[in-house]
Structures are given as structure tokens and as C-alpha cells.
Amino acid sequence: MPGYMENLAAAIVDESPKSIGTGVSGVKACAADFHADLVIQSAALLDLSAQKGNWLEVLQHHQELVRCVDLFLAELDSLSILQDGSEQSDTLLSSQT
């Protein structure tokens, strides 16, 4: 997802609604795989503002999207850590028997 976010930021700087739409589609597709509804909603609002040409709202929605993506990635990270810990426990238990 970080690559999509970088492309999206560049599209915002260029004020290119078409490129923003493409970037938003990538973010939404990635988020949909994980049922990250807040990310999808934030991306959709950003895209809608870009299509209207409301660049102040685009910047505000981009900040919110970045926040949502950061929270989402942190959540995935914590789930990964929990899973790794669980797998290590299983390995430890198996080696003790």
C-alpha cells in the first residue's frame, strides 16, 4: 500500500484528478482485501473532492487517508506480531514433546 500512497501524493501535487482516481483505486483495492472500510471511505471522499476540483478538501482528505492507512498498517503489524508469537509458542510446545 505504501507505493499507492506515494503515487497518490504525487498526483495531488500535480492536481491531476485522473491520476488521483487511479491512485485511489489502488488504495481501495488493497484495503478491500483486508476489509479496511475507513481507508476505503477516506479514499472515496478524496477522489470525490478531486473530481470536483476542490483542492483544499483534497488536501484535508489526503491527511485523513494517511492517518487511516497508518492506523491500518499498525493494526496489521500488531496482528502479525501476535501471529508470530503464537507460531513461536506452538514450535516451543512441539519441541518439548
PDB file of N, CA and C in Angstrom:
ATOM      1  N   MET A   1       0.811  -1.200   0.000  1.00  0.00           N
ATOM      2  CA  MET A   1       0.000   0.000   0.000  1.00  0.00           C
ATOM      3  C   MET A   1       0.860   1.272   0.000  1.00  0.00           C
ATOM      4  N   PRO A   2       2.059   1.255   0.595  1.00  0.00           N
ATOM      5  CA  PRO A   2       2.867   2.483   0.577  1.00  0.00           C
ATOM      6  C   PRO A   2       3.131   3.020  -0.836  1.00  0.00           C
ATOM      7  N   GLY A   3       3.351   2.158  -1.816  1.00  0.00           N
ATOM      8  CA  GLY A   3       3.566   2.619  -3.191  1.00  0.00           C
ATOM      9  C   GLY A   3       2.363   3.368  -3.733  1.00  0.00           C
ATOM     10  N   TYR A   4       1.177   2.865  -3.451  1.00  0.00           N
ATOM     11  CA  TYR A   4      -0.036   3.548  -3.885  1.00  0.00           C
ATOM     12  C   TYR A   4      -0.146   4.921  -3.227  1.00  0.00           C
ATOM     13  N   MET A   5       0.215   4.991  -1.946  1.00  0.00           N
ATOM     14  CA  MET A   5       0.122   6.260  -1.224  1.00  0.00           C
ATOM     15  C   MET A   5       1.108   7.281  -1.790  1.00  0.00           C
ATOM     16  N   GLU A   6       2.294   6.839  -2.167  1.00  0.00           N
ATOM     17  CA  GLU A   6       3.275   7.762  -2.756  1.00  0.00           C
ATOM     18  C   GLU A   6       2.781   8.284  -4.102  1.00  0.00           C
ATOM     19  N   ASN A   7       2.226   7.395  -4.920  1.00  0.00           N
ATOM     20  CA  ASN A   7       1.688   7.812  -6.222  1.00  0.00           C
ATOM     21  C   ASN A   7       0.523   8.777  -6.046  1.00  0.00           C
ATOM     22  N   LEU A   8      -0.292   8.523  -5.045  1.00  0.00           N
ATOM     23  CA  LEU A   8      -1.434   9.384  -4.767  1.00  0.00           C
ATOM     24  C   LEU A   8      -0.956  10.771  -4.339  1.00  0.00           C
ATOM     25  N   ALA A   9       0.038  10.825  -3.475  1.00  0.00           N
ATOM     26  CA  ALA A   9       0.577  12.120  -3.036  1.00  0.00           C
ATOM     27  C   ALA A   9       1.126  12.912  -4.226  1.00  0.00           C
ATOM     28  N   ALA A  10       1.810  12.237  -5.135  1.00  0.00           N
ATOM     29  CA  ALA A  10       2.347  12.910  -6.323  1.00  0.00           C
ATOM     30  C   ALA A  10       1.211  13.424  -7.203  1.00  0.00           C
ATOM     31  N   ALA A  11       0.149  12.656  -7.339  1.00  0.00           N
ATOM     32  CA  ALA A  11      -0.998  13.077  -8.149  1.00  0.00           C
ATOM     33  C   ALA A  11      -1.674  14.300  -7.543  1.00  0.00           C
ATOM     34  N   ILE A  12      -1.702  14.371  -6.214  1.00  0.00           N
ATOM     35  CA  ILE A  12      -2.304  15.529  -5.546  1.00  0.00           C
ATOM     36  C   ILE A  12      -1.458  16.774  -5.814  1.00  0.00           C
ATOM     37  N   VAL A  13      -0.149  16.623  -5.718  1.00  0.00           N
ATOM     38  CA  VAL A  13       0.743  17.753  -6.002  1.00  0.00           C
ATOM     39  C   VAL A  13       0.530  18.252  -7.428  1.00  0.00           C
ATOM     40  N   ASP A  14       0.336  17.323  -8.353  1.00  0.00           N
ATOM     41  CA  ASP A  14       0.107  17.677  -9.764  1.00  0.00           C
ATOM     42  C   ASP A  14      -1.322  18.166 -10.030  1.00  0.00           C
ATOM     43  N   GLU A  15      -2.189  18.045  -9.027  1.00  0.00           N
ATOM     44  CA  GLU A  15      -3.609  18.391  -9.163  1.00  0.00           C
ATOM     45  C   GLU A  15      -4.226  17.695 -10.376  1.00  0.00           C
ATOM     46  N   SER A  16      -4.008  16.381 -10.446  1.00  0.00           N
ATOM     47  CA  SER A  16      -4.490  15.584 -11.568  1.00  0.00           C
ATOM     48  C   SER A  16      -5.613  14.644 -11.111  1.00  0.00           C
ATOM     49  N   PRO A  17      -6.876  15.038 -11.343  1.00  0.00           N
ATOM     50  CA  PRO A  17      -7.994  14.195 -10.916  1.00  0.00           C
ATOM     51  C   PRO A  17      -7.913  12.768 -11.463  1.00  0.00           C
ATOM     52  N   LYS A  18      -7.473  12.617 -12.710  1.00  0.00           N
ATOM     53  CA  LYS A  18      -7.388  11.278 -13.305  1.00  0.00           C
ATOM     54  C   LYS A  18      -6.359  10.419 -12.562  1.00  0.00           C
ATOM     55  N   SER A  19      -5.192  10.977 -12.286  1.00  0.00           N
ATOM     56  CA  SER A  19      -4.154  10.237 -11.555  1.00  0.00           C
ATOM     57  C   SER A  19      -4.582   9.964 -10.109  1.00  0.00           C
ATOM     58  N   ILE A  20      -5.306  10.916  -9.528  1.00  0.00           N
ATOM     59  CA  ILE A  20      -5.822  10.704  -8.175  1.00  0.00           C
ATOM     60  C   ILE A  20      -6.801   9.540  -8.189  1.00  0.00           C
ATOM     61  N   GLY A  21      -7.663   9.515  -9.195  1.00  0.00           N
ATOM     62  CA  GLY A  21      -8.619   8.412  -9.313  1.00  0.00           C
ATOM     63  C   GLY A  21      -7.923   7.069  -9.425  1.00  0.00           C
ATOM     64  N   THR A  22      -6.847   7.029 -10.203  1.00  0.00           N
ATOM     65  CA  THR A  22      -6.072   5.793 -10.353  1.00  0.00           C
ATOM     66  C   THR A  22      -5.429   5.400  -9.031  1.00  0.00           C
ATOM     67  N   GLY A  23      -4.837   6.376  -8.339  1.00  0.00           N
ATOM     68  CA  GLY A  23      -4.202   6.102  -7.047  1.00  0.00           C
ATOM     69  C   GLY A  23      -5.201   5.635  -6.005  1.00  0.00           C
ATOM     70  N   VAL A  24      -6.349   6.296  -5.985  1.00  0.00           N
ATOM     71  CA  VAL A  24      -7.406   5.936  -5.035  1.00  0.00           C
ATOM     72  C   VAL A  24      -7.896   4.513  -5.314  1.00  0.00           C
ATOM     73  N   SER A  25      -8.029   4.157  -6.582  1.00  0.00           N
ATOM     74  CA  SER A  25      -8.479   2.804  -6.927  1.00  0.00           C
ATOM     75  C   SER A  25      -7.517   1.751  -6.380  1.00  0.00           C
ATOM     76  N   GLY A  26      -6.218   2.015  -6.478  1.00  0.00           N
ATOM     77  CA  GLY A  26      -5.228   1.082  -5.938  1.00  0.00           C
ATOM     78  C   GLY A  26      -5.322   0.952  -4.438  1.00  0.00           C
ATOM     79  N   VAL A  27      -5.462   2.087  -3.753  1.00  0.00           N
ATOM     80  CA  VAL A  27      -5.582   2.070  -2.289  1.00  0.00           C
ATOM     81  C   VAL A  27      -6.845   1.322  -1.873  1.00  0.00           C
ATOM     82  N   LYS A  28      -7.957   1.629  -2.543  1.00  0.00           N
ATOM     83  CA  LYS A  28      -9.226   0.982  -2.191  1.00  0.00           C
ATOM     84  C   LYS A  28      -9.179  -0.520  -2.447  1.00  0.00           C
ATOM     85  N   ALA A  29      -8.574  -0.932  -3.541  1.00  0.00           N
ATOM     86  CA  ALA A  29      -8.491  -2.364  -3.854  1.00  0.00           C
ATOM     87  C   ALA A  29      -7.661  -3.088  -2.799  1.00  0.00           C
ATOM     88  N   CYS A  30      -6.555  -2.489  -2.431  1.00  0.00           N
ATOM     89  CA  CYS A  30      -5.693  -3.086  -1.409  1.00  0.00           C
ATOM     90  C   CYS A  30      -6.431  -3.153  -0.073  1.00  0.00           C
ATOM     91  N   ALA A  31      -7.103  -2.071   0.287  1.00  0.00           N
ATOM     92  CA  ALA A  31      -7.833  -2.020   1.563  1.00  0.00           C
ATOM     93  C   ALA A  31      -9.001  -2.996   1.569  1.00  0.00           C
ATOM     94  N   ALA A  32      -9.643  -3.177   0.420  1.00  0.00           N
ATOM     95  CA  ALA A  32     -10.794  -4.080   0.341  1.00  0.00           C
ATOM     96  C   ALA A  32     -10.392  -5.516   0.652  1.00  0.00           C
ATOM     97  N   ASP A  33      -9.170  -5.876   0.280  1.00  0.00           N
ATOM     98  CA  ASP A  33      -8.694  -7.228   0.573  1.00  0.00           C
ATOM     99  C   ASP A  33      -8.675  -7.510   2.071  1.00  0.00           C
ATOM    100  N   PHE A  34      -8.559  -6.454   2.866  1.00  0.00           N
ATOM    101  CA  PHE A  34      -8.474  -6.601   4.315  1.00  0.00           C
ATOM    102  C   PHE A  34      -9.692  -6.030   5.030  1.00  0.00           C
ATOM    103  N   HIS A  35     -10.733  -5.681   4.279  1.00  0.00           N
ATOM    104  CA  HIS A  35     -11.958  -5.117   4.845  1.00  0.00           C
ATOM    105  C   HIS A  35     -11.660  -3.864   5.665  1.00  0.00           C
ATOM    106  N   ALA A  36     -10.786  -3.008   5.156  1.00  0.00           N
ATOM    107  CA  ALA A  36     -10.410  -1.761   5.826  1.00  0.00           C
ATOM    108  C   ALA A  36     -11.360  -0.650   5.370  1.00  0.00           C
ATOM    109  N   ASP A  37     -12.543  -0.653   5.932  1.00  0.00           N
ATOM    110  CA  ASP A  37     -13.604   0.251   5.485  1.00  0.00           C
ATOM    111  C   ASP A  37     -13.267   1.733   5.653  1.00  0.00           C
ATOM    112  N   LEU A  38     -12.591   2.108   6.742  1.00  0.00           N
ATOM    113  CA  LEU A  38     -12.242   3.518   6.934  1.00  0.00           C
ATOM    114  C   LEU A  38     -11.278   4.016   5.861  1.00  0.00           C
ATOM    115  N   VAL A  39     -10.350   3.168   5.465  1.00  0.00           N
ATOM    116  CA  VAL A  39      -9.415   3.531   4.401  1.00  0.00           C
ATOM    117  C   VAL A  39     -10.182   3.720   3.093  1.00  0.00           C
ATOM    118  N   ILE A  40     -11.076   2.805   2.800  1.00  0.00           N
ATOM    119  CA  ILE A  40     -11.870   2.876   1.570  1.00  0.00           C
ATOM    120  C   ILE A  40     -12.723   4.140   1.554  1.00  0.00           C
ATOM    121  N   GLN A  41     -13.374   4.439   2.681  1.00  0.00           N
ATOM    122  CA  GLN A  41     -14.225   5.626   2.767  1.00  0.00           C
ATOM    123  C   GLN A  41     -13.400   6.903   2.605  1.00  0.00           C
ATOM    124  N   SER A  42     -12.262   6.976   3.267  1.00  0.00           N
ATOM    125  CA  SER A  42     -11.412   8.165   3.161  1.00  0.00           C
ATOM    126  C   SER A  42     -10.910   8.359   1.733  1.00  0.00           C
ATOM    127  N   ALA A  43     -10.533   7.264   1.087  1.00  0.00           N
ATOM    128  CA  ALA A  43     -10.058   7.339  -0.295  1.00  0.00           C
ATOM    129  C   ALA A  43     -11.171   7.806  -1.227  1.00  0.00           C
ATOM    130  N   ALA A  44     -12.379   7.316  -1.003  1.00  0.00           N
ATOM    131  CA  ALA A  44     -13.508   7.702  -1.846  1.00  0.00           C
ATOM    132  C   ALA A  44     -13.815   9.197  -1.701  1.00  0.00           C
ATOM    133  N   LEU A  45     -13.759   9.711  -0.484  1.00  0.00           N
ATOM    134  CA  LEU A  45     -14.005  11.138  -0.261  1.00  0.00           C
ATOM    135  C   LEU A  45     -12.931  11.996  -0.936  1.00  0.00           C
ATOM    136  N   LEU A  46     -11.690  11.539  -0.871  1.00  0.00           N
ATOM    137  CA  LEU A  46     -10.593  12.250  -1.529  1.00  0.00           C
ATOM    138  C   LEU A  46     -10.843  12.299  -3.039  1.00  0.00           C
ATOM    139  N   ASP A  47     -11.204  11.171  -3.612  1.00  0.00           N
ATOM    140  CA  ASP A  47     -11.454  11.089  -5.048  1.00  0.00           C
ATOM    141  C   ASP A  47     -12.609  12.005  -5.449  1.00  0.00           C
ATOM    142  N   LEU A  48     -13.674  12.010  -4.670  1.00  0.00           N
ATOM    143  CA  LEU A  48     -14.834  12.855  -4.967  1.00  0.00           C
ATOM    144  C   LEU A  48     -14.438  14.337  -4.950  1.00  0.00           C
ATOM    145  N   SER A  49     -13.653  14.737  -3.960  1.00  0.00           N
ATOM    146  CA  SER A  49     -13.199  16.137  -3.891  1.00  0.00           C
ATOM    147  C   SER A  49     -12.314  16.491  -5.084  1.00  0.00           C
ATOM    148  N   ALA A  50     -11.463  15.553  -5.505  1.00  0.00           N
ATOM    149  CA  ALA A  50     -10.598  15.800  -6.666  1.00  0.00           C
ATOM    150  C   ALA A  50     -11.428  15.958  -7.933  1.00  0.00           C
ATOM    151  N   GLN A  51     -12.445  15.122  -8.085  1.00  0.00           N
ATOM    152  CA  GLN A  51     -13.301  15.211  -9.274  1.00  0.00           C
ATOM    153  C   GLN A  51     -14.035  16.549  -9.325  1.00  0.00           C
ATOM    154  N   LYS A  52     -14.343  17.111  -8.140  1.00  0.00           N
ATOM    155  CA  LYS A  52     -14.998  18.422  -8.064  1.00  0.00           C
ATOM    156  C   LYS A  52     -14.006  19.565  -8.250  1.00  0.00           C
ATOM    157  N   GLY A  53     -12.700  19.244  -8.149  1.00  0.00           N
ATOM    158  CA  GLY A  53     -11.682  20.286  -8.249  1.00  0.00           C
ATOM    159  C   GLY A  53     -11.513  21.084  -6.977  1.00  0.00           C
ATOM    160  N   ASN A  54     -11.980  20.545  -5.859  1.00  0.00           N
ATOM    161  CA  ASN A  54     -11.874  21.228  -4.569  1.00  0.00           C
ATOM    162  C   ASN A  54     -10.569  20.804  -3.897  1.00  0.00           C
ATOM    163  N   TRP A  55      -9.474  21.506  -4.216  1.00  0.00           N
ATOM    164  CA  TRP A  55      -8.142  21.075  -3.798  1.00  0.00           C
ATOM    165  C   TRP A  55      -7.906  21.252  -2.312  1.00  0.00           C
ATOM    166  N   LEU A  56      -8.602  22.181  -1.663  1.00  0.00           N
ATOM    167  CA  LEU A  56      -8.471  22.312  -0.212  1.00  0.00           C
ATOM    168  C   LEU A  56      -9.021  21.058   0.467  1.00  0.00           C
ATOM    169  N   GLU A  57     -10.189  20.608   0.007  1.00  0.00           N
ATOM    170  CA  GLU A  57     -10.757  19.367   0.554  1.00  0.00           C
ATOM    171  C   GLU A  57      -9.884  18.164   0.217  1.00  0.00           C
ATOM    172  N   VAL A  58      -9.295  18.153  -0.983  1.00  0.00           N
ATOM    173  CA  VAL A  58      -8.412  17.051  -1.368  1.00  0.00           C
ATOM    174  C   VAL A  58      -7.283  16.928  -0.351  1.00  0.00           C
ATOM    175  N   LEU A  59      -6.668  18.050  -0.018  1.00  0.00           N
ATOM    176  CA  LEU A  59      -5.565  18.027   0.951  1.00  0.00           C
ATOM    177  C   LEU A  59      -6.036  17.536   2.323  1.00  0.00           C
ATOM    178  N   GLN A  60      -7.212  17.993   2.741  1.00  0.00           N
ATOM    179  CA  GLN A  60      -7.757  17.550   4.034  1.00  0.00           C
ATOM    180  C   GLN A  60      -8.053  16.045   4.016  1.00  0.00           C
ATOM    181  N   HIS A  61      -8.668  15.586   2.933  1.00  0.00           N
ATOM    182  CA  HIS A  61      -8.985  14.154   2.837  1.00  0.00           C
ATOM    183  C   HIS A  61      -7.717  13.317   2.708  1.00  0.00           C
ATOM    184  N   HIS A  62      -6.698  13.866   2.065  1.00  0.00           N
ATOM    185  CA  HIS A  62      -5.435  13.134   1.958  1.00  0.00           C
ATOM    186  C   HIS A  62      -4.806  12.957   3.343  1.00  0.00           C
ATOM    187  N   GLN A  63      -4.841  13.999   4.155  1.00  0.00           N
ATOM    188  CA  GLN A  63      -4.314  13.887   5.522  1.00  0.00           C
ATOM    189  C   GLN A  63      -5.073  12.815   6.305  1.00  0.00           C
ATOM    190  N   GLU A  64      -6.383  12.792   6.151  1.00  0.00           N
ATOM    191  CA  GLU A  64      -7.194  11.792   6.848  1.00  0.00           C
ATOM    192  C   GLU A  64      -6.897  10.386   6.319  1.00  0.00           C
ATOM    193  N   LEU A  65      -6.720  10.277   5.008  1.00  0.00           N
ATOM    194  CA  LEU A  65      -6.400   8.974   4.420  1.00  0.00           C
ATOM    195  C   LEU A  65      -5.055   8.473   4.931  1.00  0.00           C
ATOM    196  N   VAL A  66      -4.071   9.346   4.986  1.00  0.00           N
ATOM    197  CA  VAL A  66      -2.750   8.961   5.502  1.00  0.00           C
ATOM    198  C   VAL A  66      -2.889   8.464   6.940  1.00  0.00           C
ATOM    199  N   ARG A  67      -3.674   9.170   7.741  1.00  0.00           N
ATOM    200  CA  ARG A  67      -3.894   8.755   9.133  1.00  0.00           C
ATOM    201  C   ARG A  67      -4.554   7.375   9.194  1.00  0.00           C
ATOM    202  N   CYS A  68      -5.579   7.163   8.375  1.00  0.00           N
ATOM    203  CA  CYS A  68      -6.286   5.875   8.366  1.00  0.00           C
ATOM    204  C   CYS A  68      -5.365   4.745   7.904  1.00  0.00           C
ATOM    205  N   VAL A  69      -4.556   5.005   6.874  1.00  0.00           N
ATOM    206  CA  VAL A  69      -3.630   3.984   6.376  1.00  0.00           C
ATOM    207  C   VAL A  69      -2.592   3.653   7.441  1.00  0.00           C
ATOM    208  N   ASP A  70      -2.074   4.680   8.116  1.00  0.00           N
ATOM    209  CA  ASP A  70      -1.096   4.445   9.180  1.00  0.00           C
ATOM    210  C   ASP A  70      -1.690   3.579  10.288  1.00  0.00           C
ATOM    211  N   LEU A  71      -2.919   3.882  10.684  1.00  0.00           N
ATOM    212  CA  LEU A  71      -3.591   3.073  11.712  1.00  0.00           C
ATOM    213  C   LEU A  71      -3.805   1.644  11.230  1.00  0.00           C
ATOM    214  N   PHE A  72      -4.220   1.518   9.983  1.00  0.00           N
ATOM    215  CA  PHE A  72      -4.456   0.205   9.399  1.00  0.00           C
ATOM    216  C   PHE A  72      -3.169  -0.618   9.356  1.00  0.00           C
ATOM    217  N   LEU A  73      -2.070   0.004   8.908  1.00  0.00           N
ATOM    218  CA  LEU A  73      -0.795  -0.719   8.837  1.00  0.00           C
ATOM    219  C   LEU A  73      -0.286  -1.090  10.231  1.00  0.00           C
ATOM    220  N   ALA A  74      -0.500  -0.214  11.199  1.00  0.00           N
ATOM    221  CA  ALA A  74      -0.105  -0.530  12.580  1.00  0.00           C
ATOM    222  C   ALA A  74      -0.920  -1.709  13.113  1.00  0.00           C
ATOM    223  N   GLU A  75      -2.190  -1.740  12.753  1.00  0.00           N
ATOM    224  CA  GLU A  75      -3.055  -2.849  13.175  1.00  0.00           C
ATOM    225  C   GLU A  75      -2.589  -4.159  12.545  1.00  0.00           C
ATOM    226  N   LEU A  76      -2.262  -4.118  11.258  1.00  0.00           N
ATOM    227  CA  LEU A  76      -1.746  -5.313  10.586  1.00  0.00           C
ATOM    228  C   LEU A  76      -0.436  -5.768  11.226  1.00  0.00           C
ATOM    229  N   ASP A  77       0.396  -4.801  11.561  1.00  0.00           N
ATOM    230  CA  ASP A  77       1.672  -5.096  12.201  1.00  0.00           C
ATOM    231  C   ASP A  77       1.461  -5.804  13.533  1.00  0.00           C
ATOM    232  N   SER A  78       0.524  -5.296  14.336  1.00  0.00           N
ATOM    233  CA  SER A  78       0.283  -5.911  15.639  1.00  0.00           C
ATOM    234  C   SER A  78      -0.306  -7.311  15.484  1.00  0.00           C
ATOM    235  N   LEU A  79      -1.146  -7.502  14.471  1.00  0.00           N
ATOM    236  CA  LEU A  79      -1.680  -8.845  14.226  1.00  0.00           C
ATOM    237  C   LEU A  79      -0.563  -9.790  13.799  1.00  0.00           C
ATOM    238  N   SER A  80       0.354  -9.287  13.002  1.00  0.00           N
ATOM    239  CA  SER A  80       1.492 -10.089  12.557  1.00  0.00           C
ATOM    240  C   SER A  80       2.359 -10.495  13.748  1.00  0.00           C
ATOM    241  N   ILE A  81       2.591  -9.555  14.652  1.00  0.00           N
ATOM    242  CA  ILE A  81       3.388  -9.843  15.847  1.00  0.00           C
ATOM    243  C   ILE A  81       2.695 -10.892  16.704  1.00  0.00           C
ATOM    244  N   LEU A  82       1.371 -10.752  16.844  1.00  0.00           N
ATOM    245  CA  LEU A  82       0.615 -11.733  17.631  1.00  0.00           C
ATOM    246  C   LEU A  82       0.700 -13.114  16.996  1.00  0.00           C
ATOM    247  N   GLN A  83       0.568 -13.164  15.678  1.00  0.00           N
ATOM    248  CA  GLN A  83       0.634 -14.446  14.984  1.00  0.00           C
ATOM    249  C   GLN A  83       2.024 -15.050  15.110  1.00  0.00           C
ATOM    250  N   ASP A  84       3.067 -14.230  14.939  1.00  0.00           N
ATOM    251  CA  ASP A  84       4.438 -14.726  15.078  1.00  0.00           C
ATOM    252  C   ASP A  84       4.666 -15.294  16.469  1.00  0.00           C
ATOM    253  N   GLY A  85       4.143 -14.609  17.481  1.00  0.00           N
ATOM    254  CA  GLY A  85       4.276 -15.091  18.858  1.00  0.00           C
ATOM    255  C   GLY A  85       3.555 -16.406  19.057  1.00  0.00           C
ATOM    256  N   SER A  86       2.395 -16.541  18.445  1.00  0.00           N
ATOM    257  CA  SER A  86       1.624 -17.774  18.546  1.00  0.00           C
ATOM    258  C   SER A  86       2.351 -18.930  17.871  1.00  0.00           C
ATOM    259  N   GLU A  87       2.945 -18.665  16.708  1.00  0.00           N
ATOM    260  CA  GLU A  87       3.682 -19.707  15.990  1.00  0.00           C
ATOM    261  C   GLU A  87       4.922 -20.129  16.774  1.00  0.00           C
ATOM    262  N   GLN A  88       5.575 -19.165  17.411  1.00  0.00           N
ATOM    263  CA  GLN A  88       6.753 -19.494  18.211  1.00  0.00           C
ATOM    264  C   GLN A  88       6.359 -20.350  19.404  1.00  0.00           C
ATOM    265  N   SER A  89       5.220 -20.044  20.019  1.00  0.00           N
ATOM    266  CA  SER A  89       4.737 -20.847  21.147  1.00  0.00           C
ATOM    267  C   SER A  89       4.437 -22.266  20.703  1.00  0.00           C
ATOM    268  N   ASP A  90       3.802 -22.403  19.536  1.00  0.00           N
ATOM    269  CA  ASP A  90       3.489 -23.723  19.010  1.00  0.00           C
ATOM    270  C   ASP A  90       4.771 -24.513  18.749  1.00  0.00           C
ATOM    271  N   THR A  91       5.786 -23.853  18.211  1.00  0.00           N
ATOM    272  CA  THR A  91       7.064 -24.510  17.929  1.00  0.00           C
ATOM    273  C   THR A  91       7.727 -24.941  19.217  1.00  0.00           C
ATOM    274  N   LEU A  92       7.663 -24.097  20.215  1.00  0.00           N
ATOM    275  CA  LEU A  92       8.261 -24.423  21.517  1.00  0.00           C
ATOM    276  C   LEU A  92       7.567 -25.640  22.130  1.00  0.00           C
ATOM    277  N   LEU A  93       6.240 -25.638  22.084  1.00  0.00           N
ATOM    278  CA  LEU A  93       5.474 -26.750  22.647  1.00  0.00           C
ATOM    279  C   LEU A  93       5.787 -28.050  21.889  1.00  0.00           C
ATOM    280  N   SER A  94       5.901 -27.972  20.573  1.00  0.00           N
ATOM    281  CA  SER A  94       6.183 -29.170  19.778  1.00  0.00           C
ATOM    282  C   SER A  94       7.564 -29.716  20.086  1.00  0.00           C
ATOM    283  N   SER A  95       8.528 -28.842  20.312  1.00  0.00           N
ATOM    284  CA  SER A  95       9.885 -29.316  20.572  1.00  0.00           C
ATOM    285  C   SER A  95      10.038 -29.907  21.968  1.00  0.00           C
ATOM    286  N   GLN A  96       9.118 -29.562  22.863  1.00  0.00           N
ATOM    287  CA  GLN A  96       9.194 -30.084  24.234  1.00  0.00           C
ATOM    288  C   GLN A  96       8.577 -31.470  24.347  1.00  0.00           C
ATOM    289  N   THR A  97       7.806 -31.880  23.380  1.00  0.00           N
ATOM    290  CA  THR A  97       7.147 -33.199  23.474  1.00  0.00           C
ATOM    291  C   THR A  97       7.950 -34.287  22.824  1.00  0.00           C
TER     292      THR A  97
END
